[in-house]
Amino acid sequence: NTAEVMYHAETNEQTLHAVTDFARAINMIPFVLKKEQ
């Protein structure tokens, strides 16, 4: 239950928070990458 969250230069903070919150809500552990890989 890992959820890797990769944003890009134009992704806004609200989107990032909404998606990581969703991942937690479905029993996943979100891992946010600081850069694209």
PDB file of all heavy atoms in Angstrom:
ATOM      1  N   ASN A   1       0.811  -1.223   0.000  1.00  0.00           N
ATOM      2  CA  ASN A   1       0.000   0.000   0.000  1.00  0.00           C
ATOM      3  C   ASN A   1       0.841   1.269   0.000  1.00  0.00           C
ATOM      4  O   ASN A   1       0.744   2.123   0.867  1.00  0.00           O
ATOM      5  CB  ASN A   1      -0.973  -0.008   1.175  1.00  0.00           C
ATOM      6  CG  ASN A   1      -0.283  -0.049   2.524  1.00  0.00           C
ATOM      7  OD1 ASN A   1       0.767  -0.662   2.664  1.00  0.00           O
ATOM      8  ND2 ASN A   1      -0.886   0.601   3.507  1.00  0.00           N
ATOM      9  N   THR A   2       1.664   1.397  -1.047  1.00  0.00           N
ATOM     10  CA  THR A   2       2.415   2.630  -1.263  1.00  0.00           C
ATOM     11  C   THR A   2       1.770   3.424  -2.391  1.00  0.00           C
ATOM     12  O   THR A   2       1.292   2.847  -3.372  1.00  0.00           O
ATOM     13  CB  THR A   2       3.876   2.332  -1.631  1.00  0.00           C
ATOM     14  OG1 THR A   2       3.914   1.561  -2.833  1.00  0.00           O
ATOM     15  CG2 THR A   2       4.570   1.560  -0.512  1.00  0.00           C
ATOM     16  N   ALA A   3       1.763   4.727  -2.240  1.00  0.00           N
ATOM     17  CA  ALA A   3       1.269   5.614  -3.294  1.00  0.00           C
ATOM     18  C   ALA A   3       2.337   6.672  -3.534  1.00  0.00           C
ATOM     19  O   ALA A   3       2.569   7.536  -2.687  1.00  0.00           O
ATOM     20  CB  ALA A   3      -0.047   6.261  -2.881  1.00  0.00           C
ATOM     21  N   GLU A   4       3.003   6.575  -4.668  1.00  0.00           N
ATOM     22  CA  GLU A   4       4.069   7.524  -4.987  1.00  0.00           C
ATOM     23  C   GLU A   4       3.465   8.715  -5.732  1.00  0.00           C
ATOM     24  O   GLU A   4       2.805   8.552  -6.757  1.00  0.00           O
ATOM     25  CB  GLU A   4       5.142   6.845  -5.818  1.00  0.00           C
ATOM     26  CG  GLU A   4       5.843   5.722  -5.055  1.00  0.00           C
ATOM     27  CD  GLU A   4       6.936   5.067  -5.860  1.00  0.00           C
ATOM     28  OE1 GLU A   4       6.608   4.211  -6.705  1.00  0.00           O
ATOM     29  OE2 GLU A   4       8.112   5.411  -5.655  1.00  0.00           O
ATOM     30  N   VAL A   5       3.686   9.893  -5.186  1.00  0.00           N
ATOM     31  CA  VAL A   5       3.103  11.118  -5.734  1.00  0.00           C
ATOM     32  C   VAL A   5       4.223  11.962  -6.342  1.00  0.00           C
ATOM     33  O   VAL A   5       5.142  12.386  -5.642  1.00  0.00           O
ATOM     34  CB  VAL A   5       2.373  11.920  -4.644  1.00  0.00           C
ATOM     35  CG1 VAL A   5       1.699  13.156  -5.251  1.00  0.00           C
ATOM     36  CG2 VAL A   5       1.347  11.048  -3.914  1.00  0.00           C
ATOM     37  N   MET A   6       4.148  12.155  -7.657  1.00  0.00           N
ATOM     38  CA  MET A   6       5.178  12.925  -8.359  1.00  0.00           C
ATOM     39  C   MET A   6       4.542  14.137  -9.028  1.00  0.00           C
ATOM     40  O   MET A   6       3.736  13.997  -9.948  1.00  0.00           O
ATOM     41  CB  MET A   6       5.872  12.054  -9.405  1.00  0.00           C
ATOM     42  CG  MET A   6       7.101  12.717 -10.018  1.00  0.00           C
ATOM     43  SD  MET A   6       7.702  11.937 -11.540  1.00  0.00           S
ATOM     44  CE  MET A   6       7.716  10.222 -11.138  1.00  0.00           C
ATOM     45  N   TYR A   7       4.892  15.304  -8.547  1.00  0.00           N
ATOM     46  CA  TYR A   7       4.369  16.514  -9.166  1.00  0.00           C
ATOM     47  C   TYR A   7       5.394  17.055 -10.169  1.00  0.00           C
ATOM     48  O   TYR A   7       6.527  16.569 -10.254  1.00  0.00           O
ATOM     49  CB  TYR A   7       4.031  17.564  -8.115  1.00  0.00           C
ATOM     50  CG  TYR A   7       5.180  17.973  -7.207  1.00  0.00           C
ATOM     51  CD1 TYR A   7       6.049  19.007  -7.560  1.00  0.00           C
ATOM     52  CD2 TYR A   7       5.382  17.330  -5.978  1.00  0.00           C
ATOM     53  CE1 TYR A   7       7.083  19.384  -6.732  1.00  0.00           C
ATOM     54  CE2 TYR A   7       6.417  17.707  -5.140  1.00  0.00           C
ATOM     55  CZ  TYR A   7       7.270  18.737  -5.518  1.00  0.00           C
ATOM     56  OH  TYR A   7       8.298  19.097  -4.693  1.00  0.00           O
ATOM     57  N   HIS A   8       4.979  18.055 -10.951  1.00  0.00           N
ATOM     58  CA  HIS A   8       5.893  18.692 -11.898  1.00  0.00           C
ATOM     59  C   HIS A   8       5.915  20.188 -11.594  1.00  0.00           C
ATOM     60  O   HIS A   8       5.281  20.650 -10.631  1.00  0.00           O
ATOM     61  CB  HIS A   8       5.456  18.404 -13.344  1.00  0.00           C
ATOM     62  CG  HIS A   8       4.105  18.940 -13.677  1.00  0.00           C
ATOM     63  ND1 HIS A   8       3.912  20.100 -14.381  1.00  0.00           N
ATOM     64  CD2 HIS A   8       2.855  18.477 -13.372  1.00  0.00           C
ATOM     65  CE1 HIS A   8       2.612  20.327 -14.508  1.00  0.00           C
ATOM     66  NE2 HIS A   8       1.947  19.355 -13.912  1.00  0.00           N
ATOM     67  N   ALA A   9       6.633  20.948 -12.378  1.00  0.00           N
ATOM     68  CA  ALA A   9       6.898  22.351 -12.047  1.00  0.00           C
ATOM     69  C   ALA A   9       5.637  23.198 -11.919  1.00  0.00           C
ATOM     70  O   ALA A   9       5.609  24.166 -11.155  1.00  0.00           O
ATOM     71  CB  ALA A   9       7.827  22.959 -13.100  1.00  0.00           C
ATOM     72  N   GLU A  10       4.570  22.822 -12.627  1.00  0.00           N
ATOM     73  CA  GLU A  10       3.365  23.652 -12.624  1.00  0.00           C
ATOM     74  C   GLU A  10       2.272  23.144 -11.679  1.00  0.00           C
ATOM     75  O   GLU A  10       1.236  23.784 -11.545  1.00  0.00           O
ATOM     76  CB  GLU A  10       2.812  23.756 -14.045  1.00  0.00           C
ATOM     77  CG  GLU A  10       3.742  24.486 -15.009  1.00  0.00           C
ATOM     78  CD  GLU A  10       3.139  24.602 -16.396  1.00  0.00           C
ATOM     79  OE1 GLU A  10       2.201  25.403 -16.573  1.00  0.00           O
ATOM     80  OE2 GLU A  10       3.602  23.872 -17.294  1.00  0.00           O
ATOM     81  N   THR A  11       2.456  22.016 -11.060  1.00  0.00           N
ATOM     82  CA  THR A  11       1.451  21.498 -10.124  1.00  0.00           C
ATOM     83  C   THR A  11       1.332  22.443  -8.940  1.00  0.00           C
ATOM     84  O   THR A  11       2.333  22.828  -8.337  1.00  0.00           O
ATOM     85  CB  THR A  11       1.845  20.106  -9.597  1.00  0.00           C
ATOM     86  OG1 THR A  11       2.123  19.240 -10.691  1.00  0.00           O
ATOM     87  CG2 THR A  11       0.733  19.517  -8.741  1.00  0.00           C
ATOM     88  N   ASN A  12       0.092  22.805  -8.582  1.00  0.00           N
ATOM     89  CA  ASN A  12      -0.042  23.701  -7.427  1.00  0.00           C
ATOM     90  C   ASN A  12      -0.131  22.916  -6.123  1.00  0.00           C
ATOM     91  O   ASN A  12      -0.359  21.709  -6.105  1.00  0.00           O
ATOM     92  CB  ASN A  12      -1.221  24.673  -7.589  1.00  0.00           C
ATOM     93  CG  ASN A  12      -2.576  23.993  -7.585  1.00  0.00           C
ATOM     94  OD1 ASN A  12      -2.787  22.993  -6.905  1.00  0.00           O
ATOM     95  ND2 ASN A  12      -3.519  24.539  -8.345  1.00  0.00           N
ATOM     96  N   GLU A  13       0.050  23.626  -5.029  1.00  0.00           N
ATOM     97  CA  GLU A  13       0.119  22.995  -3.715  1.00  0.00           C
ATOM     98  C   GLU A  13      -1.211  22.358  -3.320  1.00  0.00           C
ATOM     99  O   GLU A  13      -1.246  21.308  -2.676  1.00  0.00           O
ATOM    100  CB  GLU A  13       0.535  24.034  -2.676  1.00  0.00           C
ATOM    101  CG  GLU A  13       0.922  23.446  -1.333  1.00  0.00           C
ATOM    102  CD  GLU A  13       1.529  24.472  -0.398  1.00  0.00           C
ATOM    103  OE1 GLU A  13       1.909  25.560  -0.865  1.00  0.00           O
ATOM    104  OE2 GLU A  13       1.624  24.176   0.807  1.00  0.00           O
ATOM    105  N   GLN A  14      -2.312  22.989  -3.699  1.00  0.00           N
ATOM    106  CA  GLN A  14      -3.636  22.454  -3.360  1.00  0.00           C
ATOM    107  C   GLN A  14      -3.848  21.082  -4.003  1.00  0.00           C
ATOM    108  O   GLN A  14      -4.413  20.170  -3.375  1.00  0.00           O
ATOM    109  CB  GLN A  14      -4.746  23.426  -3.817  1.00  0.00           C
ATOM    110  CG  GLN A  14      -4.792  24.736  -3.053  1.00  0.00           C
ATOM    111  CD  GLN A  14      -3.753  25.749  -3.519  1.00  0.00           C
ATOM    112  OE1 GLN A  14      -3.055  25.533  -4.515  1.00  0.00           O
ATOM    113  NE2 GLN A  14      -3.633  26.861  -2.803  1.00  0.00           N
ATOM    114  N   THR A  15      -3.399  20.935  -5.245  1.00  0.00           N
ATOM    115  CA  THR A  15      -3.521  19.650  -5.931  1.00  0.00           C
ATOM    116  C   THR A  15      -2.706  18.582  -5.223  1.00  0.00           C
ATOM    117  O   THR A  15      -3.176  17.458  -5.001  1.00  0.00           O
ATOM    118  CB  THR A  15      -3.047  19.781  -7.393  1.00  0.00           C
ATOM    119  OG1 THR A  15      -3.891  20.723  -8.075  1.00  0.00           O
ATOM    120  CG2 THR A  15      -3.083  18.445  -8.110  1.00  0.00           C
ATOM    121  N   LEU A  16      -1.484  18.923  -4.869  1.00  0.00           N
ATOM    122  CA  LEU A  16      -0.616  17.981  -4.169  1.00  0.00           C
ATOM    123  C   LEU A  16      -1.245  17.524  -2.860  1.00  0.00           C
ATOM    124  O   LEU A  16      -1.280  16.324  -2.562  1.00  0.00           O
ATOM    125  CB  LEU A  16       0.747  18.624  -3.907  1.00  0.00           C
ATOM    126  CG  LEU A  16       1.767  17.773  -3.150  1.00  0.00           C
ATOM    127  CD1 LEU A  16       2.103  16.502  -3.923  1.00  0.00           C
ATOM    128  CD2 LEU A  16       3.032  18.581  -2.883  1.00  0.00           C
ATOM    129  N   HIS A  17      -1.772  18.449  -2.081  1.00  0.00           N
ATOM    130  CA  HIS A  17      -2.388  18.099  -0.801  1.00  0.00           C
ATOM    131  C   HIS A  17      -3.647  17.254  -0.997  1.00  0.00           C
ATOM    132  O   HIS A  17      -3.887  16.298  -0.256  1.00  0.00           O
ATOM    133  CB  HIS A  17      -2.730  19.362  -0.008  1.00  0.00           C
ATOM    134  CG  HIS A  17      -1.539  20.082   0.535  1.00  0.00           C
ATOM    135  ND1 HIS A  17      -0.427  19.423   1.033  1.00  0.00           N
ATOM    136  CD2 HIS A  17      -1.263  21.405   0.662  1.00  0.00           C
ATOM    137  CE1 HIS A  17       0.459  20.303   1.443  1.00  0.00           C
ATOM    138  NE2 HIS A  17      -0.012  21.516   1.226  1.00  0.00           N
ATOM    139  N   ALA A  18      -4.449  17.610  -1.994  1.00  0.00           N
ATOM    140  CA  ALA A  18      -5.696  16.870  -2.237  1.00  0.00           C
ATOM    141  C   ALA A  18      -5.411  15.419  -2.601  1.00  0.00           C
ATOM    142  O   ALA A  18      -6.088  14.498  -2.127  1.00  0.00           O
ATOM    143  CB  ALA A  18      -6.498  17.550  -3.345  1.00  0.00           C
ATOM    144  N   VAL A  19      -4.396  15.193  -3.430  1.00  0.00           N
ATOM    145  CA  VAL A  19      -4.085  13.835  -3.880  1.00  0.00           C
ATOM    146  C   VAL A  19      -3.438  13.022  -2.764  1.00  0.00           C
ATOM    147  O   VAL A  19      -3.747  11.838  -2.586  1.00  0.00           O
ATOM    148  CB  VAL A  19      -3.207  13.869  -5.148  1.00  0.00           C
ATOM    149  CG1 VAL A  19      -2.716  12.464  -5.515  1.00  0.00           C
ATOM    150  CG2 VAL A  19      -4.000  14.459  -6.308  1.00  0.00           C
ATOM    151  N   THR A  20      -2.557  13.619  -1.987  1.00  0.00           N
ATOM    152  CA  THR A  20      -1.956  12.879  -0.874  1.00  0.00           C
ATOM    153  C   THR A  20      -3.007  12.559   0.188  1.00  0.00           C
ATOM    154  O   THR A  20      -2.978  11.483   0.791  1.00  0.00           O
ATOM    155  CB  THR A  20      -0.779  13.652  -0.245  1.00  0.00           C
ATOM    156  OG1 THR A  20      -1.195  14.973   0.112  1.00  0.00           O
ATOM    157  CG2 THR A  20       0.388  13.731  -1.207  1.00  0.00           C
ATOM    158  N   ASP A  21      -3.949  13.475   0.411  1.00  0.00           N
ATOM    159  CA  ASP A  21      -5.042  13.195   1.353  1.00  0.00           C
ATOM    160  C   ASP A  21      -5.915  12.043   0.859  1.00  0.00           C
ATOM    161  O   ASP A  21      -6.337  11.188   1.643  1.00  0.00           O
ATOM    162  CB  ASP A  21      -5.907  14.442   1.559  1.00  0.00           C
ATOM    163  CG  ASP A  21      -5.223  15.503   2.406  1.00  0.00           C
ATOM    164  OD1 ASP A  21      -4.195  15.191   3.051  1.00  0.00           O
ATOM    165  OD2 ASP A  21      -5.709  16.650   2.424  1.00  0.00           O
ATOM    166  N   PHE A  22      -6.182  12.027  -0.445  1.00  0.00           N
ATOM    167  CA  PHE A  22      -6.950  10.923  -1.025  1.00  0.00           C
ATOM    168  C   PHE A  22      -6.220   9.601  -0.834  1.00  0.00           C
ATOM    169  O   PHE A  22      -6.823   8.592  -0.458  1.00  0.00           O
ATOM    170  CB  PHE A  22      -7.193  11.180  -2.514  1.00  0.00           C
ATOM    171  CG  PHE A  22      -7.663   9.975  -3.269  1.00  0.00           C
ATOM    172  CD1 PHE A  22      -8.951   9.489  -3.106  1.00  0.00           C
ATOM    173  CD2 PHE A  22      -6.803   9.307  -4.136  1.00  0.00           C
ATOM    174  CE1 PHE A  22      -9.387   8.351  -3.791  1.00  0.00           C
ATOM    175  CE2 PHE A  22      -7.219   8.180  -4.823  1.00  0.00           C
ATOM    176  CZ  PHE A  22      -8.515   7.702  -4.656  1.00  0.00           C
ATOM    177  N   ALA A  23      -4.912   9.591  -1.084  1.00  0.00           N
ATOM    178  CA  ALA A  23      -4.127   8.359  -0.925  1.00  0.00           C
ATOM    179  C   ALA A  23      -4.236   7.829   0.504  1.00  0.00           C
ATOM    180  O   ALA A  23      -4.445   6.630   0.714  1.00  0.00           O
ATOM    181  CB  ALA A  23      -2.664   8.618  -1.293  1.00  0.00           C
ATOM    182  N   ARG A  24      -4.108   8.707   1.479  1.00  0.00           N
ATOM    183  CA  ARG A  24      -4.246   8.272   2.879  1.00  0.00           C
ATOM    184  C   ARG A  24      -5.644   7.734   3.156  1.00  0.00           C
ATOM    185  O   ARG A  24      -5.807   6.757   3.889  1.00  0.00           O
ATOM    186  CB  ARG A  24      -3.950   9.443   3.823  1.00  0.00           C
ATOM    187  CG  ARG A  24      -2.494   9.894   3.841  1.00  0.00           C
ATOM    188  CD  ARG A  24      -2.248  10.904   4.948  1.00  0.00           C
ATOM    189  NE  ARG A  24      -0.916  11.484   4.845  1.00  0.00           N
ATOM    190  CZ  ARG A  24      -0.639  12.626   4.228  1.00  0.00           C
ATOM    191  NH1 ARG A  24      -1.630  13.329   3.668  1.00  0.00           N
ATOM    192  NH2 ARG A  24       0.605  13.069   4.176  1.00  0.00           N
ATOM    193  N   ALA A  25      -6.634   8.362   2.564  1.00  0.00           N
ATOM    194  CA  ALA A  25      -8.026   7.976   2.817  1.00  0.00           C
ATOM    195  C   ALA A  25      -8.353   6.590   2.282  1.00  0.00           C
ATOM    196  O   ALA A  25      -9.292   5.946   2.765  1.00  0.00           O
ATOM    197  CB  ALA A  25      -8.981   9.007   2.207  1.00  0.00           C
ATOM    198  N   ILE A  26      -7.585   6.111   1.288  1.00  0.00           N
ATOM    199  CA  ILE A  26      -7.825   4.755   0.782  1.00  0.00           C
ATOM    200  C   ILE A  26      -6.772   3.775   1.315  1.00  0.00           C
ATOM    201  O   ILE A  26      -6.480   2.767   0.683  1.00  0.00           O
ATOM    202  CB  ILE A  26      -7.899   4.716  -0.762  1.00  0.00           C
ATOM    203  CG1 ILE A  26      -6.589   5.173  -1.409  1.00  0.00           C
ATOM    204  CG2 ILE A  26      -9.076   5.544  -1.267  1.00  0.00           C
ATOM    205  CD1 ILE A  26      -6.512   4.903  -2.905  1.00  0.00           C
ATOM    206  N   ASN A  27      -6.229   4.115   2.481  1.00  0.00           N
ATOM    207  CA  ASN A  27      -5.338   3.199   3.207  1.00  0.00           C
ATOM    208  C   ASN A  27      -3.967   3.042   2.560  1.00  0.00           C
ATOM    209  O   ASN A  27      -3.292   2.037   2.752  1.00  0.00           O
ATOM    210  CB  ASN A  27      -5.980   1.819   3.373  1.00  0.00           C
ATOM    211  CG  ASN A  27      -5.363   1.018   4.514  1.00  0.00           C
ATOM    212  OD1 ASN A  27      -5.157   1.543   5.606  1.00  0.00           O
ATOM    213  ND2 ASN A  27      -5.078  -0.245   4.274  1.00  0.00           N
ATOM    214  N   MET A  28      -3.556   4.043   1.797  1.00  0.00           N
ATOM    215  CA  MET A  28      -2.232   4.020   1.198  1.00  0.00           C
ATOM    216  C   MET A  28      -1.288   4.908   2.008  1.00  0.00           C
ATOM    217  O   MET A  28      -1.728   5.812   2.722  1.00  0.00           O
ATOM    218  CB  MET A  28      -2.273   4.515  -0.253  1.00  0.00           C
ATOM    219  CG  MET A  28      -3.288   3.817  -1.142  1.00  0.00           C
ATOM    220  SD  MET A  28      -3.082   2.021  -1.268  1.00  0.00           S
ATOM    221  CE  MET A  28      -1.569   1.911  -2.206  1.00  0.00           C
ATOM    222  N   ILE A  29      -0.001   4.651   1.886  1.00  0.00           N
ATOM    223  CA  ILE A  29       1.025   5.502   2.493  1.00  0.00           C
ATOM    224  C   ILE A  29       1.624   6.341   1.370  1.00  0.00           C
ATOM    225  O   ILE A  29       2.297   5.806   0.483  1.00  0.00           O
ATOM    226  CB  ILE A  29       2.119   4.670   3.172  1.00  0.00           C
ATOM    227  CG1 ILE A  29       1.512   3.787   4.257  1.00  0.00           C
ATOM    228  CG2 ILE A  29       3.201   5.581   3.755  1.00  0.00           C
ATOM    229  CD1 ILE A  29       2.475   2.770   4.835  1.00  0.00           C
ATOM    230  N   PRO A  30       1.374   7.661   1.363  1.00  0.00           N
ATOM    231  CA  PRO A  30       1.886   8.482   0.266  1.00  0.00           C
ATOM    232  C   PRO A  30       3.365   8.813   0.432  1.00  0.00           C
ATOM    233  O   PRO A  30       3.833   9.132   1.529  1.00  0.00           O
ATOM    234  CB  PRO A  30       1.031   9.754   0.344  1.00  0.00           C
ATOM    235  CG  PRO A  30       0.561   9.824   1.747  1.00  0.00           C
ATOM    236  CD  PRO A  30       0.487   8.419   2.261  1.00  0.00           C
ATOM    237  N   PHE A  31       4.095   8.725  -0.681  1.00  0.00           N
ATOM    238  CA  PHE A  31       5.499   9.107  -0.730  1.00  0.00           C
ATOM    239  C   PHE A  31       5.631  10.194  -1.793  1.00  0.00           C
ATOM    240  O   PHE A  31       5.456   9.922  -2.980  1.00  0.00           O
ATOM    241  CB  PHE A  31       6.384   7.917  -1.080  1.00  0.00           C
ATOM    242  CG  PHE A  31       6.422   6.857  -0.015  1.00  0.00           C
ATOM    243  CD1 PHE A  31       5.470   5.838   0.004  1.00  0.00           C
ATOM    244  CD2 PHE A  31       7.387   6.886   0.986  1.00  0.00           C
ATOM    245  CE1 PHE A  31       5.491   4.865   1.007  1.00  0.00           C
ATOM    246  CE2 PHE A  31       7.418   5.918   1.977  1.00  0.00           C
ATOM    247  CZ  PHE A  31       6.470   4.913   1.996  1.00  0.00           C
ATOM    248  N   VAL A  32       5.915  11.402  -1.375  1.00  0.00           N
ATOM    249  CA  VAL A  32       5.989  12.533  -2.296  1.00  0.00           C
ATOM    250  C   VAL A  32       7.424  12.723  -2.768  1.00  0.00           C
ATOM    251  O   VAL A  32       8.349  12.887  -1.962  1.00  0.00           O
ATOM    252  CB  VAL A  32       5.473  13.822  -1.634  1.00  0.00           C
ATOM    253  CG1 VAL A  32       5.583  15.003  -2.604  1.00  0.00           C
ATOM    254  CG2 VAL A  32       4.025  13.647  -1.177  1.00  0.00           C
ATOM    255  N   LEU A  33       7.627  12.679  -4.088  1.00  0.00           N
ATOM    256  CA  LEU A  33       8.943  12.904  -4.666  1.00  0.00           C
ATOM    257  C   LEU A  33       9.198  14.404  -4.814  1.00  0.00           C
ATOM    258  O   LEU A  33       8.283  15.154  -5.187  1.00  0.00           O
ATOM    259  CB  LEU A  33       9.059  12.231  -6.033  1.00  0.00           C
ATOM    260  CG  LEU A  33       9.329  10.724  -6.032  1.00  0.00           C
ATOM    261  CD1 LEU A  33       8.118   9.931  -5.578  1.00  0.00           C
ATOM    262  CD2 LEU A  33       9.773  10.261  -7.409  1.00  0.00           C
ATOM    263  N   LYS A  34      10.407  14.833  -4.542  1.00  0.00           N
ATOM    264  CA  LYS A  34      10.752  16.250  -4.628  1.00  0.00           C
ATOM    265  C   LYS A  34      11.082  16.673  -6.059  1.00  0.00           C
ATOM    266  O   LYS A  34      11.044  17.853  -6.388  1.00  0.00           O
ATOM    267  CB  LYS A  34      11.943  16.545  -3.709  1.00  0.00           C
ATOM    268  CG  LYS A  34      11.633  16.309  -2.247  1.00  0.00           C
ATOM    269  CD  LYS A  34      12.894  16.239  -1.395  1.00  0.00           C
ATOM    270  CE  LYS A  34      13.656  17.544  -1.391  1.00  0.00           C
ATOM    271  NZ  LYS A  34      14.839  17.474  -0.506  1.00  0.00           N
ATOM    272  N   LYS A  35      11.411  15.704  -6.897  1.00  0.00           N
ATOM    273  CA  LYS A  35      11.723  15.966  -8.295  1.00  0.00           C
ATOM    274  C   LYS A  35      11.139  14.847  -9.149  1.00  0.00           C
ATOM    275  O   LYS A  35      10.872  13.754  -8.649  1.00  0.00           O
ATOM    276  CB  LYS A  35      13.239  16.017  -8.523  1.00  0.00           C
ATOM    277  CG  LYS A  35      13.972  17.128  -7.794  1.00  0.00           C
ATOM    278  CD  LYS A  35      15.467  17.059  -8.087  1.00  0.00           C
ATOM    279  CE  LYS A  35      16.227  18.157  -7.359  1.00  0.00           C
ATOM    280  NZ  LYS A  35      17.699  18.070  -7.626  1.00  0.00           N
ATOM    281  N   GLU A  36      10.969  15.125 -10.433  1.00  0.00           N
ATOM    282  CA  GLU A  36      10.515  14.085 -11.357  1.00  0.00           C
ATOM    283  C   GLU A  36      11.618  13.043 -11.548  1.00  0.00           C
ATOM    284  O   GLU A  36      12.797  13.377 -11.683  1.00  0.00           O
ATOM    285  CB  GLU A  36      10.128  14.692 -12.705  1.00  0.00           C
ATOM    286  CG  GLU A  36       8.855  15.505 -12.675  1.00  0.00           C
ATOM    287  CD  GLU A  36       8.445  15.951 -14.057  1.00  0.00           C
ATOM    288  OE1 GLU A  36       9.193  16.748 -14.653  1.00  0.00           O
ATOM    289  OE2 GLU A  36       7.404  15.491 -14.538  1.00  0.00           O
ATOM    290  N   GLN A  37      11.215  11.789 -11.571  1.00  0.00           N
ATOM    291  CA  GLN A  37      12.166  10.688 -11.727  1.00  0.00           C
ATOM    292  C   GLN A  37      11.487   9.534 -12.448  1.00  0.00           C
ATOM    293  O   GLN A  37      10.493   8.991 -11.951  1.00  0.00           O
ATOM    294  CB  GLN A  37      12.659  10.222 -10.350  1.00  0.00           C
ATOM    295  CG  GLN A  37      13.371   8.883 -10.323  1.00  0.00           C
ATOM    296  CD  GLN A  37      14.699   8.896 -11.071  1.00  0.00           C
ATOM    297  OE1 GLN A  37      15.324   9.938 -11.209  1.00  0.00           O
ATOM    298  NE2 GLN A  37      15.131   7.744 -11.555  1.00  0.00           N
TER     299      GLN A  37
END
